[in-house]
Amino acid sequence: MAWTTRKPCTVAEDDMLHCGDNVAVAAIAALLLGPFGMFYSTRTGAIVMIVLTVLVALPTLGFGVLLTLPLCVLWAVLAAMRNASGSALQHA
């Protein structure tokens, strides 16, 4: 069984083709769940940020999360935008 990294395209009620990740969902998931929310848009980025968050949070007694959380949101949004534009170009 092969794992795909792209989400399938769907046709919405307005007859527009919607492909890839939803950027708003990616941002909210990363904001609420931190690096675990990044699994919606990027698996590799989520694993990297989980390791980085642990390495930063332990010596700073958890205050390092204030630095890594915005990075998680930014990375998730950029990955979702890349996935959405890449899928749209593939199916155009």
PDB file of N, CA and C in Angstrom:
ATOM      1  N   MET A   1       0.847  -1.180   0.000  1.00  0.00           N
ATOM      2  CA  MET A   1       0.000   0.000   0.000  1.00  0.00           C
ATOM      3  C   MET A   1       0.888   1.237   0.000  1.00  0.00           C
ATOM      4  N   ALA A   2       0.591   2.137  -0.909  1.00  0.00           N
ATOM      5  CA  ALA A   2       1.388   3.355  -1.021  1.00  0.00           C
ATOM      6  C   ALA A   2       0.695   4.495  -0.287  1.00  0.00           C
ATOM      7  N   TRP A   3       1.472   5.272   0.427  1.00  0.00           N
ATOM      8  CA  TRP A   3       0.942   6.445   1.125  1.00  0.00           C
ATOM      9  C   TRP A   3       1.070   7.632   0.200  1.00  0.00           C
ATOM     10  N   THR A   4       0.016   8.407   0.082  1.00  0.00           N
ATOM     11  CA  THR A   4       0.066   9.606  -0.747  1.00  0.00           C
ATOM     12  C   THR A   4       0.190  10.830   0.152  1.00  0.00           C
ATOM     13  N   THR A   5       0.877  11.837  -0.340  1.00  0.00           N
ATOM     14  CA  THR A   5       1.053  13.051   0.442  1.00  0.00           C
ATOM     15  C   THR A   5       0.055  14.127   0.035  1.00  0.00           C
ATOM     16  N   ARG A   6      -0.600  13.971  -1.089  1.00  0.00           N
ATOM     17  CA  ARG A   6      -1.566  14.964  -1.557  1.00  0.00           C
ATOM     18  C   ARG A   6      -2.973  14.541  -1.181  1.00  0.00           C
ATOM     19  N   LYS A   7      -3.780  15.494  -0.821  1.00  0.00           N
ATOM     20  CA  LYS A   7      -5.181  15.210  -0.543  1.00  0.00           C
ATOM     21  C   LYS A   7      -5.960  15.298  -1.848  1.00  0.00           C
ATOM     22  N   PRO A   8      -7.019  14.510  -2.011  1.00  0.00           N
ATOM     23  CA  PRO A   8      -7.751  14.514  -3.279  1.00  0.00           C
ATOM     24  C   PRO A   8      -8.485  15.827  -3.510  1.00  0.00           C
ATOM     25  N   CYS A   9      -8.711  16.136  -4.769  1.00  0.00           N
ATOM     26  CA  CYS A   9      -9.449  17.337  -5.138  1.00  0.00           C
ATOM     27  C   CYS A   9     -10.942  17.071  -5.031  1.00  0.00           C
ATOM     28  N   THR A  10     -11.683  18.099  -4.650  1.00  0.00           N
ATOM     29  CA  THR A  10     -13.131  17.998  -4.554  1.00  0.00           C
ATOM     30  C   THR A  10     -13.760  19.191  -5.258  1.00  0.00           C
ATOM     31  N   VAL A  11     -14.961  18.998  -5.740  1.00  0.00           N
ATOM     32  CA  VAL A  11     -15.713  20.082  -6.362  1.00  0.00           C
ATOM     33  C   VAL A  11     -16.746  20.558  -5.351  1.00  0.00           C
ATOM     34  N   ALA A  12     -16.688  21.827  -4.999  1.00  0.00           N
ATOM     35  CA  ALA A  12     -17.585  22.400  -3.993  1.00  0.00           C
ATOM     36  C   ALA A  12     -18.900  22.827  -4.655  1.00  0.00           C
ATOM     37  N   GLU A  13     -19.809  23.339  -3.828  1.00  0.00           N
ATOM     38  CA  GLU A  13     -21.125  23.766  -4.311  1.00  0.00           C
ATOM     39  C   GLU A  13     -21.024  24.883  -5.345  1.00  0.00           C
ATOM     40  N   ASP A  14     -19.966  25.698  -5.266  1.00  0.00           N
ATOM     41  CA  ASP A  14     -19.808  26.801  -6.205  1.00  0.00           C
ATOM     42  C   ASP A  14     -19.096  26.376  -7.486  1.00  0.00           C
ATOM     43  N   ASP A  15     -19.012  25.056  -7.735  1.00  0.00           N
ATOM     44  CA  ASP A  15     -18.383  24.468  -8.921  1.00  0.00           C
ATOM     45  C   ASP A  15     -16.902  24.830  -9.044  1.00  0.00           C
ATOM     46  N   MET A  16     -16.274  25.144  -7.927  1.00  0.00           N
ATOM     47  CA  MET A  16     -14.843  25.418  -7.924  1.00  0.00           C
ATOM     48  C   MET A  16     -14.108  24.166  -7.480  1.00  0.00           C
ATOM     49  N   LEU A  17     -12.940  23.947  -8.030  1.00  0.00           N
ATOM     50  CA  LEU A  17     -12.124  22.793  -7.684  1.00  0.00           C
ATOM     51  C   LEU A  17     -11.244  23.152  -6.496  1.00  0.00           C
ATOM     52  N   HIS A  18     -11.402  22.442  -5.381  1.00  0.00           N
ATOM     53  CA  HIS A  18     -10.618  22.688  -4.177  1.00  0.00           C
ATOM     54  C   HIS A  18      -9.674  21.514  -3.963  1.00  0.00           C
ATOM     55  N   CYS A  19      -8.385  21.807  -3.922  1.00  0.00           N
ATOM     56  CA  CYS A  19      -7.383  20.751  -3.806  1.00  0.00           C
ATOM     57  C   CYS A  19      -6.448  21.034  -2.635  1.00  0.00           C
ATOM     58  N   GLY A  20      -5.869  19.998  -2.114  1.00  0.00           N
ATOM     59  CA  GLY A  20      -4.841  20.140  -1.095  1.00  0.00           C
ATOM     60  C   GLY A  20      -5.392  20.468   0.272  1.00  0.00           C
ATOM     61  N   ASP A  21      -4.527  21.012   1.102  1.00  0.00           N
ATOM     62  CA  ASP A  21      -4.864  21.308   2.487  1.00  0.00           C
ATOM     63  C   ASP A  21      -5.545  22.653   2.611  1.00  0.00           C
ATOM     64  N   ASN A  22      -6.422  22.763   3.584  1.00  0.00           N
ATOM     65  CA  ASN A  22      -7.066  24.025   3.911  1.00  0.00           C
ATOM     66  C   ASN A  22      -6.119  24.797   4.834  1.00  0.00           C
ATOM     67  N   VAL A  23      -5.749  25.989   4.442  1.00  0.00           N
ATOM     68  CA  VAL A  23      -4.762  26.770   5.179  1.00  0.00           C
ATOM     69  C   VAL A  23      -5.289  27.161   6.559  1.00  0.00           C
ATOM     70  N   ALA A  24      -6.561  27.512   6.657  1.00  0.00           N
ATOM     71  CA  ALA A  24      -7.135  27.898   7.949  1.00  0.00           C
ATOM     72  C   ALA A  24      -7.152  26.724   8.916  1.00  0.00           C
ATOM     73  N   VAL A  25      -7.497  25.547   8.422  1.00  0.00           N
ATOM     74  CA  VAL A  25      -7.508  24.355   9.280  1.00  0.00           C
ATOM     75  C   VAL A  25      -6.093  24.032   9.745  1.00  0.00           C
ATOM     76  N   ALA A  26      -5.117  24.175   8.862  1.00  0.00           N
ATOM     77  CA  ALA A  26      -3.722  23.914   9.234  1.00  0.00           C
ATOM     78  C   ALA A  26      -3.253  24.882  10.320  1.00  0.00           C
ATOM     79  N   ALA A  27      -3.618  26.155  10.195  1.00  0.00           N
ATOM     80  CA  ALA A  27      -3.206  27.154  11.185  1.00  0.00           C
ATOM     81  C   ALA A  27      -3.865  26.896  12.536  1.00  0.00           C
ATOM     82  N   ILE A  28      -5.160  26.595  12.531  1.00  0.00           N
ATOM     83  CA  ILE A  28      -5.873  26.357  13.790  1.00  0.00           C
ATOM     84  C   ILE A  28      -5.372  25.083  14.465  1.00  0.00           C
ATOM     85  N   ALA A  29      -5.132  24.042  13.675  1.00  0.00           N
ATOM     86  CA  ALA A  29      -4.639  22.787  14.247  1.00  0.00           C
ATOM     87  C   ALA A  29      -3.267  22.985  14.883  1.00  0.00           C
ATOM     88  N   ALA A  30      -2.382  23.715  14.209  1.00  0.00           N
ATOM     89  CA  ALA A  30      -1.044  23.956  14.764  1.00  0.00           C
ATOM     90  C   ALA A  30      -1.112  24.876  15.978  1.00  0.00           C
ATOM     91  N   LEU A  31      -2.036  25.830  15.969  1.00  0.00           N
ATOM     92  CA  LEU A  31      -2.163  26.738  17.103  1.00  0.00           C
ATOM     93  C   LEU A  31      -2.685  26.013  18.341  1.00  0.00           C
ATOM     94  N   LEU A  32      -3.663  25.154  18.152  1.00  0.00           N
ATOM     95  CA  LEU A  32      -4.265  24.462  19.295  1.00  0.00           C
ATOM     96  C   LEU A  32      -3.469  23.244  19.756  1.00  0.00           C
ATOM     97  N   LEU A  33      -2.870  22.523  18.810  1.00  0.00           N
ATOM     98  CA  LEU A  33      -2.193  21.270  19.148  1.00  0.00           C
ATOM     99  C   LEU A  33      -0.671  21.350  19.070  1.00  0.00           C
ATOM    100  N   GLY A  34      -0.152  22.499  18.680  1.00  0.00           N
ATOM    101  CA  GLY A  34       1.296  22.653  18.581  1.00  0.00           C
ATOM    102  C   GLY A  34       1.846  21.799  17.445  1.00  0.00           C
ATOM    103  N   PRO A  35       2.982  21.187  17.659  1.00  0.00           N
ATOM    104  CA  PRO A  35       3.584  20.402  16.577  1.00  0.00           C
ATOM    105  C   PRO A  35       2.732  19.201  16.171  1.00  0.00           C
ATOM    106  N   PHE A  36       1.879  18.702  17.042  1.00  0.00           N
ATOM    107  CA  PHE A  36       1.023  17.572  16.678  1.00  0.00           C
ATOM    108  C   PHE A  36      -0.042  17.989  15.670  1.00  0.00           C
ATOM    109  N   GLY A  37      -0.442  19.234  15.685  1.00  0.00           N
ATOM    110  CA  GLY A  37      -1.386  19.740  14.700  1.00  0.00           C
ATOM    111  C   GLY A  37      -0.785  19.892  13.320  1.00  0.00           C
ATOM    112  N   MET A  38       0.532  19.890  13.245  1.00  0.00           N
ATOM    113  CA  MET A  38       1.199  20.014  11.957  1.00  0.00           C
ATOM    114  C   MET A  38       1.077  18.748  11.120  1.00  0.00           C
ATOM    115  N   PHE A  39       0.671  17.638  11.715  1.00  0.00           N
ATOM    116  CA  PHE A  39       0.510  16.406  10.946  1.00  0.00           C
ATOM    117  C   PHE A  39      -0.546  16.564   9.861  1.00  0.00           C
ATOM    118  N   TYR A  40      -1.435  17.540   9.976  1.00  0.00           N
ATOM    119  CA  TYR A  40      -2.439  17.800   8.951  1.00  0.00           C
ATOM    120  C   TYR A  40      -1.781  18.224   7.641  1.00  0.00           C
ATOM    121  N   SER A  41      -0.736  19.044   7.726  1.00  0.00           N
ATOM    122  CA  SER A  41      -0.146  19.590   6.505  1.00  0.00           C
ATOM    123  C   SER A  41       1.228  19.023   6.166  1.00  0.00           C
ATOM    124  N   THR A  42       2.013  18.635   7.159  1.00  0.00           N
ATOM    125  CA  THR A  42       3.352  18.124   6.889  1.00  0.00           C
ATOM    126  C   THR A  42       3.797  17.156   7.981  1.00  0.00           C
ATOM    127  N   ARG A  43       4.056  15.929   7.582  1.00  0.00           N
ATOM    128  CA  ARG A  43       4.510  14.929   8.552  1.00  0.00           C
ATOM    129  C   ARG A  43       5.957  15.177   8.969  1.00  0.00           C
ATOM    130  N   THR A  44       6.801  15.476   8.012  1.00  0.00           N
ATOM    131  CA  THR A  44       8.208  15.713   8.320  1.00  0.00           C
ATOM    132  C   THR A  44       8.374  16.928   9.228  1.00  0.00           C
ATOM    133  N   GLY A  45       7.675  18.004   8.919  1.00  0.00           N
ATOM    134  CA  GLY A  45       7.740  19.204   9.744  1.00  0.00           C
ATOM    135  C   GLY A  45       7.237  18.961  11.153  1.00  0.00           C
ATOM    136  N   ALA A  46       6.209  18.133  11.284  1.00  0.00           N
ATOM    137  CA  ALA A  46       5.669  17.825  12.608  1.00  0.00           C
ATOM    138  C   ALA A  46       6.697  17.075  13.452  1.00  0.00           C
ATOM    139  N   ILE A  47       7.353  16.109  12.856  1.00  0.00           N
ATOM    140  CA  ILE A  47       8.359  15.338  13.601  1.00  0.00           C
ATOM    141  C   ILE A  47       9.529  16.228  14.001  1.00  0.00           C
ATOM    142  N   VAL A  48       9.972  17.082  13.074  1.00  0.00           N
ATOM    143  CA  VAL A  48      11.081  17.995  13.377  1.00  0.00           C
ATOM    144  C   VAL A  48      10.700  18.939  14.515  1.00  0.00           C
ATOM    145  N   MET A  49       9.496  19.483  14.463  1.00  0.00           N
ATOM    146  CA  MET A  49       9.081  20.446  15.490  1.00  0.00           C
ATOM    147  C   MET A  49       8.788  19.772  16.835  1.00  0.00           C
ATOM    148  N   ILE A  50       8.355  18.523  16.840  1.00  0.00           N
ATOM    149  CA  ILE A  50       8.183  17.813  18.115  1.00  0.00           C
ATOM    150  C   ILE A  50       9.533  17.673  18.804  1.00  0.00           C
ATOM    151  N   VAL A  51      10.538  17.254  18.050  1.00  0.00           N
ATOM    152  CA  VAL A  51      11.879  17.100  18.627  1.00  0.00           C
ATOM    153  C   VAL A  51      12.422  18.452  19.076  1.00  0.00           C
ATOM    154  N   LEU A  52      12.276  19.480  18.244  1.00  0.00           N
ATOM    155  CA  LEU A  52      12.776  20.810  18.591  1.00  0.00           C
ATOM    156  C   LEU A  52      12.056  21.379  19.811  1.00  0.00           C
ATOM    157  N   THR A  53      10.749  21.171  19.889  1.00  0.00           N
ATOM    158  CA  THR A  53       9.978  21.691  21.025  1.00  0.00           C
ATOM    159  C   THR A  53      10.424  21.030  22.323  1.00  0.00           C
ATOM    160  N   VAL A  54      10.659  19.734  22.288  1.00  0.00           N
ATOM    161  CA  VAL A  54      11.129  19.041  23.488  1.00  0.00           C
ATOM    162  C   VAL A  54      12.513  19.548  23.880  1.00  0.00           C
ATOM    163  N   LEU A  55      13.402  19.707  22.901  1.00  0.00           N
ATOM    164  CA  LEU A  55      14.759  20.171  23.200  1.00  0.00           C
ATOM    165  C   LEU A  55      14.790  21.599  23.729  1.00  0.00           C
ATOM    166  N   VAL A  56      13.847  22.432  23.285  1.00  0.00           N
ATOM    167  CA  VAL A  56      13.808  23.822  23.740  1.00  0.00           C
ATOM    168  C   VAL A  56      13.032  23.947  25.052  1.00  0.00           C
ATOM    169  N   ALA A  57      11.961  23.167  25.205  1.00  0.00           N
ATOM    170  CA  ALA A  57      11.087  23.318  26.373  1.00  0.00           C
ATOM    171  C   ALA A  57      11.713  22.777  27.653  1.00  0.00           C
ATOM    172  N   LEU A  58      12.475  21.711  27.565  1.00  0.00           N
ATOM    173  CA  LEU A  58      13.050  21.127  28.780  1.00  0.00           C
ATOM    174  C   LEU A  58      13.993  22.077  29.520  1.00  0.00           C
ATOM    175  N   PRO A  59      14.985  22.660  28.866  1.00  0.00           N
ATOM    176  CA  PRO A  59      15.885  23.548  29.619  1.00  0.00           C
ATOM    177  C   PRO A  59      15.247  24.872  30.040  1.00  0.00           C
ATOM    178  N   THR A  60      14.172  25.279  29.352  1.00  0.00           N
ATOM    179  CA  THR A  60      13.545  26.561  29.685  1.00  0.00           C
ATOM    180  C   THR A  60      12.315  26.389  30.569  1.00  0.00           C
ATOM    181  N   LEU A  61      12.115  25.195  31.092  1.00  0.00           N
ATOM    182  CA  LEU A  61      10.987  24.880  31.975  1.00  0.00           C
ATOM    183  C   LEU A  61       9.630  25.151  31.309  1.00  0.00           C
ATOM    184  N   GLY A  62       9.561  24.932  29.998  1.00  0.00           N
ATOM    185  CA  GLY A  62       8.309  25.066  29.258  1.00  0.00           C
ATOM    186  C   GLY A  62       8.107  26.401  28.585  1.00  0.00           C
ATOM    187  N   PHE A  63       8.879  27.420  28.964  1.00  0.00           N
ATOM    188  CA  PHE A  63       8.697  28.737  28.362  1.00  0.00           C
ATOM    189  C   PHE A  63       9.174  28.787  26.907  1.00  0.00           C
ATOM    190  N   GLY A  64       9.976  27.827  26.495  1.00  0.00           N
ATOM    191  CA  GLY A  64      10.438  27.774  25.109  1.00  0.00           C
ATOM    192  C   GLY A  64       9.322  27.489  24.130  1.00  0.00           C
ATOM    193  N   VAL A  65       8.213  26.964  24.630  1.00  0.00           N
ATOM    194  CA  VAL A  65       7.060  26.698  23.759  1.00  0.00           C
ATOM    195  C   VAL A  65       6.515  28.005  23.199  1.00  0.00           C
ATOM    196  N   LEU A  66       6.681  29.098  23.921  1.00  0.00           N
ATOM    197  CA  LEU A  66       6.249  30.401  23.413  1.00  0.00           C
ATOM    198  C   LEU A  66       7.015  30.793  22.151  1.00  0.00           C
ATOM    199  N   LEU A  67       8.195  30.229  21.960  1.00  0.00           N
ATOM    200  CA  LEU A  67       8.974  30.462  20.758  1.00  0.00           C
ATOM    201  C   LEU A  67       8.633  29.460  19.667  1.00  0.00           C
ATOM    202  N   THR A  68       8.459  28.201  20.043  1.00  0.00           N
ATOM    203  CA  THR A  68       8.242  27.173  19.029  1.00  0.00           C
ATOM    204  C   THR A  68       6.810  27.138  18.503  1.00  0.00           C
ATOM    205  N   LEU A  69       5.833  27.547  19.280  1.00  0.00           N
ATOM    206  CA  LEU A  69       4.446  27.500  18.817  1.00  0.00           C
ATOM    207  C   LEU A  69       4.194  28.390  17.595  1.00  0.00           C
ATOM    208  N   PRO A  70       4.660  29.647  17.585  1.00  0.00           N
ATOM    209  CA  PRO A  70       4.477  30.441  16.351  1.00  0.00           C
ATOM    210  C   PRO A  70       5.218  29.850  15.155  1.00  0.00           C
ATOM    211  N   LEU A  71       6.359  29.225  15.401  1.00  0.00           N
ATOM    212  CA  LEU A  71       7.075  28.569  14.308  1.00  0.00           C
ATOM    213  C   LEU A  71       6.269  27.403  13.749  1.00  0.00           C
ATOM    214  N   CYS A  72       5.596  26.665  14.619  1.00  0.00           N
ATOM    215  CA  CYS A  72       4.746  25.562  14.179  1.00  0.00           C
ATOM    216  C   CYS A  72       3.615  26.072  13.296  1.00  0.00           C
ATOM    217  N   VAL A  73       2.978  27.148  13.722  1.00  0.00           N
ATOM    218  CA  VAL A  73       1.864  27.706  12.955  1.00  0.00           C
ATOM    219  C   VAL A  73       2.353  28.195  11.592  1.00  0.00           C
ATOM    220  N   LEU A  74       3.469  28.899  11.575  1.00  0.00           N
ATOM    221  CA  LEU A  74       4.016  29.413  10.324  1.00  0.00           C
ATOM    222  C   LEU A  74       4.365  28.284   9.369  1.00  0.00           C
ATOM    223  N   TRP A  75       5.054  27.250   9.868  1.00  0.00           N
ATOM    224  CA  TRP A  75       5.455  26.128   9.032  1.00  0.00           C
ATOM    225  C   TRP A  75       4.219  25.390   8.507  1.00  0.00           C
ATOM    226  N   ALA A  76       3.214  25.204   9.340  1.00  0.00           N
ATOM    227  CA  ALA A  76       2.002  24.506   8.922  1.00  0.00           C
ATOM    228  C   ALA A  76       1.273  25.282   7.828  1.00  0.00           C
ATOM    229  N   VAL A  77       1.190  26.602   7.980  1.00  0.00           N
ATOM    230  CA  VAL A  77       0.518  27.427   6.972  1.00  0.00           C
ATOM    231  C   VAL A  77       1.278  27.392   5.659  1.00  0.00           C
ATOM    232  N   LEU A  78       2.594  27.533   5.711  1.00  0.00           N
ATOM    233  CA  LEU A  78       3.389  27.493   4.482  1.00  0.00           C
ATOM    234  C   LEU A  78       3.285  26.140   3.796  1.00  0.00           C
ATOM    235  N   ALA A  79       3.283  25.055   4.571  1.00  0.00           N
ATOM    236  CA  ALA A  79       3.163  23.723   3.980  1.00  0.00           C
ATOM    237  C   ALA A  79       1.781  23.525   3.360  1.00  0.00           C
ATOM    238  N   ALA A  80       0.737  24.020   4.012  1.00  0.00           N
ATOM    239  CA  ALA A  80      -0.616  23.895   3.469  1.00  0.00           C
ATOM    240  C   ALA A  80      -0.753  24.710   2.184  1.00  0.00           C
ATOM    241  N   MET A  81      -0.164  25.898   2.158  1.00  0.00           N
ATOM    242  CA  MET A  81      -0.208  26.711   0.941  1.00  0.00           C
ATOM    243  C   MET A  81       0.538  26.023  -0.192  1.00  0.00           C
ATOM    244  N   ARG A  82       1.675  25.434   0.117  1.00  0.00           N
ATOM    245  CA  ARG A  82       2.441  24.712  -0.900  1.00  0.00           C
ATOM    246  C   ARG A  82       1.658  23.503  -1.414  1.00  0.00           C
ATOM    247  N   ASN A  83       1.031  22.754  -0.503  1.00  0.00           N
ATOM    248  CA  ASN A  83       0.253  21.589  -0.909  1.00  0.00           C
ATOM    249  C   ASN A  83      -0.947  21.986  -1.751  1.00  0.00           C
ATOM    250  N   ALA A  84      -1.610  23.078  -1.374  1.00  0.00           N
ATOM    251  CA  ALA A  84      -2.789  23.518  -2.117  1.00  0.00           C
ATOM    252  C   ALA A  84      -2.407  23.998  -3.500  1.00  0.00           C
ATOM    253  N   SER A  85      -1.355  24.779  -3.621  1.00  0.00           N
ATOM    254  CA  SER A  85      -0.962  25.286  -4.941  1.00  0.00           C
ATOM    255  C   SER A  85      -0.373  24.182  -5.796  1.00  0.00           C
ATOM    256  N   GLY A  86       0.342  23.238  -5.207  1.00  0.00           N
ATOM    257  CA  GLY A  86       0.902  22.122  -5.978  1.00  0.00           C
ATOM    258  C   GLY A  86      -0.174  21.215  -6.512  1.00  0.00           C
ATOM    259  N   SER A  87      -1.214  20.960  -5.727  1.00  0.00           N
ATOM    260  CA  SER A  87      -2.315  20.114  -6.189  1.00  0.00           C
ATOM    261  C   SER A  87      -3.111  20.807  -7.274  1.00  0.00           C
ATOM    262  N   ALA A  88      -3.314  22.108  -7.152  1.00  0.00           N
ATOM    263  CA  ALA A  88      -4.077  22.832  -8.144  1.00  0.00           C
ATOM    264  C   ALA A  88      -3.331  22.854  -9.485  1.00  0.00           C
ATOM    265  N   LEU A  89      -2.020  22.974  -9.426  1.00  0.00           N
ATOM    266  CA  LEU A  89      -1.233  22.986 -10.663  1.00  0.00           C
ATOM    267  C   LEU A  89      -1.213  21.606 -11.315  1.00  0.00           C
ATOM    268  N   GLN A  90      -1.230  20.549 -10.501  1.00  0.00           N
ATOM    269  CA  GLN A  90      -1.225  19.202 -11.052  1.00  0.00           C
ATOM    270  C   GLN A  90      -2.509  18.918 -11.814  1.00  0.00           C
ATOM    271  N   HIS A  91      -3.640  19.433 -11.336  1.00  0.00           N
ATOM    272  CA  HIS A  91      -4.924  19.100 -11.920  1.00  0.00           C
ATOM    273  C   HIS A  91      -5.429  20.149 -12.897  1.00  0.00           C
ATOM    274  N   ALA A  92      -4.633  21.169 -13.159  1.00  0.00           N
ATOM    275  CA  ALA A  92      -5.075  22.218 -14.086  1.00  0.00           C
ATOM    276  C   ALA A  92      -4.889  21.800 -15.530  1.00  0.00           C
TER     277      ALA A  92
END
